[in-house]
C-alpha atoms as a PDB file:
ATOM      1  CA  MET A   1     -14.091 -81.902 160.330  1.00  0.00           C
ATOM      2  CA  THR A   2     -11.255 -80.644 159.533  1.00  0.00           C
ATOM      3  CA  ALA A   3     -10.661 -77.201 159.699  1.00  0.00           C
ATOM      4  CA  ARG A   4      -9.084 -77.248 156.085  1.00  0.00           C
ATOM      5  CA  LEU A   5     -12.968 -77.927 155.195  1.00  0.00           C
ATOM      6  CA  LEU A   6     -14.556 -76.154 156.704  1.00  0.00           C
ATOM      7  CA  ILE A   7     -12.057 -72.980 155.620  1.00  0.00           C
ATOM      8  CA  GLU A   8     -13.439 -74.539 152.132  1.00  0.00           C
ATOM      9  CA  LEU A   9     -17.055 -74.070 152.826  1.00  0.00           C
ATOM     10  CA  SER A  10     -17.388 -71.180 153.935  1.00  0.00           C
ATOM     11  CA  VAL A  11     -15.586 -69.721 151.255  1.00  0.00           C
ATOM     12  CA  VAL A  12     -17.746 -72.008 148.832  1.00  0.00           C
ATOM     13  CA  GLY A  13     -20.668 -69.871 151.242  1.00  0.00           C
ATOM     14  CA  MET A  14     -18.823 -66.881 151.148  1.00  0.00           C
ATOM     15  CA  PHE A  15     -17.943 -66.713 147.516  1.00  0.00           C
ATOM     16  CA  VAL A  16     -18.928 -69.097 145.132  1.00  0.00           C
ATOM     17  CA  LEU A  17     -22.605 -69.275 145.726  1.00  0.00           C
ATOM     18  CA  PRO A  18     -23.070 -65.578 145.557  1.00  0.00           C
ATOM     19  CA  GLY A  19     -20.396 -65.262 142.793  1.00  0.00           C
ATOM     20  CA  LEU A  20     -22.740 -67.586 140.618  1.00  0.00           C
ATOM     21  CA  LEU A  21     -26.106 -66.129 141.592  1.00  0.00           C
ATOM     22  CA  ALA A  22     -25.007 -62.449 140.957  1.00  0.00           C
ATOM     23  CA  LEU A  23     -23.544 -64.090 136.974  1.00  0.00           C
ATOM     24  CA  TRP A  24     -26.967 -65.986 136.463  1.00  0.00           C
ATOM     25  CA  VAL A  25     -28.909 -62.565 137.316  1.00  0.00           C
ATOM     26  CA  GLY A  26     -26.817 -60.660 135.455  1.00  0.00           C
ATOM     27  CA  ILE A  27     -27.070 -63.232 132.774  1.00  0.00           C
ATOM     28  CA  ALA A  28     -30.210 -64.010 132.887  1.00  0.00           C
ATOM     29  CA  ASP A  29     -31.348 -60.114 133.365  1.00  0.00           C
ATOM     30  CA  ARG A  30     -33.888 -61.939 136.549  1.00  0.00           C
ATOM     31  CA  GLU A  31     -36.916 -59.288 137.277  1.00  0.00           C
ATOM     32  CA  TRP A  32     -37.333 -60.020 140.564  1.00  0.00           C
ATOM     33  CA  PHE A  33     -34.179 -58.917 141.346  1.00  0.00           C
ATOM     34  CA  PHE A  34     -33.625 -55.401 139.181  1.00  0.00           C
ATOM     35  CA  SER A  35     -37.251 -54.532 140.454  1.00  0.00           C
ATOM     36  CA  SER A  36     -36.463 -55.028 143.747  1.00  0.00           C
ATOM     37  CA  PRO A  37     -36.118 -51.234 146.070  1.00  0.00           C
ATOM     38  CA  GLN A  38     -32.365 -51.675 146.450  1.00  0.00           C
ATOM     39  CA  ALA A  39     -31.883 -52.324 143.171  1.00  0.00           C
ATOM     40  CA  GLN A  40     -33.350 -49.455 141.761  1.00  0.00           C
ATOM     41  CA  ILE A  41     -30.794 -47.257 142.996  1.00  0.00           C
ATOM     42  CA  TRP A  42     -27.877 -48.571 140.827  1.00  0.00           C
ATOM     43  CA  LEU A  43     -30.523 -49.025 137.653  1.00  0.00           C
ATOM     44  CA  ARG A  44     -31.034 -44.666 138.282  1.00  0.00           C
ATOM     45  CA  ALA A  45     -27.480 -44.491 138.072  1.00  0.00           C
ATOM     46  CA  LEU A  46     -26.360 -47.121 135.388  1.00  0.00           C
ATOM     47  CA  GLY A  47     -29.141 -47.729 133.635  1.00  0.00           C
ATOM     48  CA  ARG A  48     -30.701 -52.045 133.374  1.00  0.00           C
ATOM     49  CA  LYS A  49     -27.910 -52.375 131.078  1.00  0.00           C
ATOM     50  CA  GLY A  50     -25.263 -50.897 133.101  1.00  0.00           C
ATOM     51  CA  SER A  51     -26.734 -52.864 135.827  1.00  0.00           C
ATOM     52  CA  ARG A  52     -26.655 -56.187 134.380  1.00  0.00           C
ATOM     53  CA  ILE A  53     -23.032 -55.758 133.646  1.00  0.00           C
ATOM     54  CA  ALA A  54     -21.999 -53.872 136.661  1.00  0.00           C
ATOM     55  CA  THR A  55     -24.246 -57.719 138.382  1.00  0.00           C
ATOM     56  CA  ILE A  56     -21.876 -59.695 136.503  1.00  0.00           C
ATOM     57  CA  ILE A  57     -19.150 -58.535 136.789  1.00  0.00           C
ATOM     58  CA  ILE A  58     -18.830 -58.626 140.500  1.00  0.00           C
ATOM     59  CA  GLY A  59     -20.325 -62.319 139.585  1.00  0.00           C
ATOM     60  CA  LEU A  60     -17.046 -62.615 138.020  1.00  0.00           C
ATOM     61  CA  LEU A  61     -14.912 -60.659 140.607  1.00  0.00           C
ATOM     62  CA  LEU A  62     -16.524 -63.103 143.133  1.00  0.00           C
ATOM     63  CA  LEU A  63     -15.570 -65.450 141.583  1.00  0.00           C
ATOM     64  CA  ALA A  64     -12.154 -64.965 140.779  1.00  0.00           C
ATOM     65  CA  CYS A  65     -12.043 -64.206 144.790  1.00  0.00           C
ATOM     66  CA  SER A  66     -12.309 -68.073 145.149  1.00  0.00           C
ATOM     67  CA  LEU A  67      -9.792 -69.405 142.644  1.00  0.00           C
ATOM     68  CA  LEU A  68      -7.557 -67.714 144.483  1.00  0.00           C
ATOM     69  CA  PHE A  69      -7.620 -68.882 147.609  1.00  0.00           C
ATOM     70  CA  TYR A  70      -7.595 -72.721 145.686  1.00  0.00           C
ATOM     71  CA  ILE A  71      -5.025 -71.176 143.959  1.00  0.00           C
ATOM     72  CA  ASP A  72      -3.248 -70.136 147.039  1.00  0.00           C
ATOM     73  CA  PRO A  73      -0.398 -67.569 145.618  1.00  0.00           C
ATOM     74  CA  LEU A  74       1.267 -66.713 148.781  1.00  0.00           C
ATOM     75  CA  HIS A  75       1.193 -70.177 150.473  1.00  0.00           C
ATOM     76  CA  VAL A  76      -1.736 -69.878 153.311  1.00  0.00           C
ATOM     77  CA  MET A  77      -3.109 -72.751 153.639  1.00  0.00           C
ATOM     78  CA  LYS A  78      -0.415 -75.248 153.661  1.00  0.00           C
ATOM     79  CA  SER A  79      -2.094 -79.041 154.225  1.00  0.00           C
END
C-alpha cells in the first residue's frame, strides 16, 4: 500500500463518508438522526427546517473539503 493510497483512504473516511451521510440525513429528514439527544440542541436553536438546512450545508462543506484535496491547488501531494 502506497502512502498516497493510504492518504486517499483516510480522506474518504474523514470527509466523503460523513459528508454523504450528512447530506442524506438532511435531504431525507431521517427521524433517527433528528431524534437523538445531541440533535435536540440544534432543533431548539434552529427548528426542524433550519437543522436540516444546517446538516445539508455541513455535508456539502465536507464534500468540498474532499474535492479540494483531490484538486490539490497548492500542489502539496506530488505524485
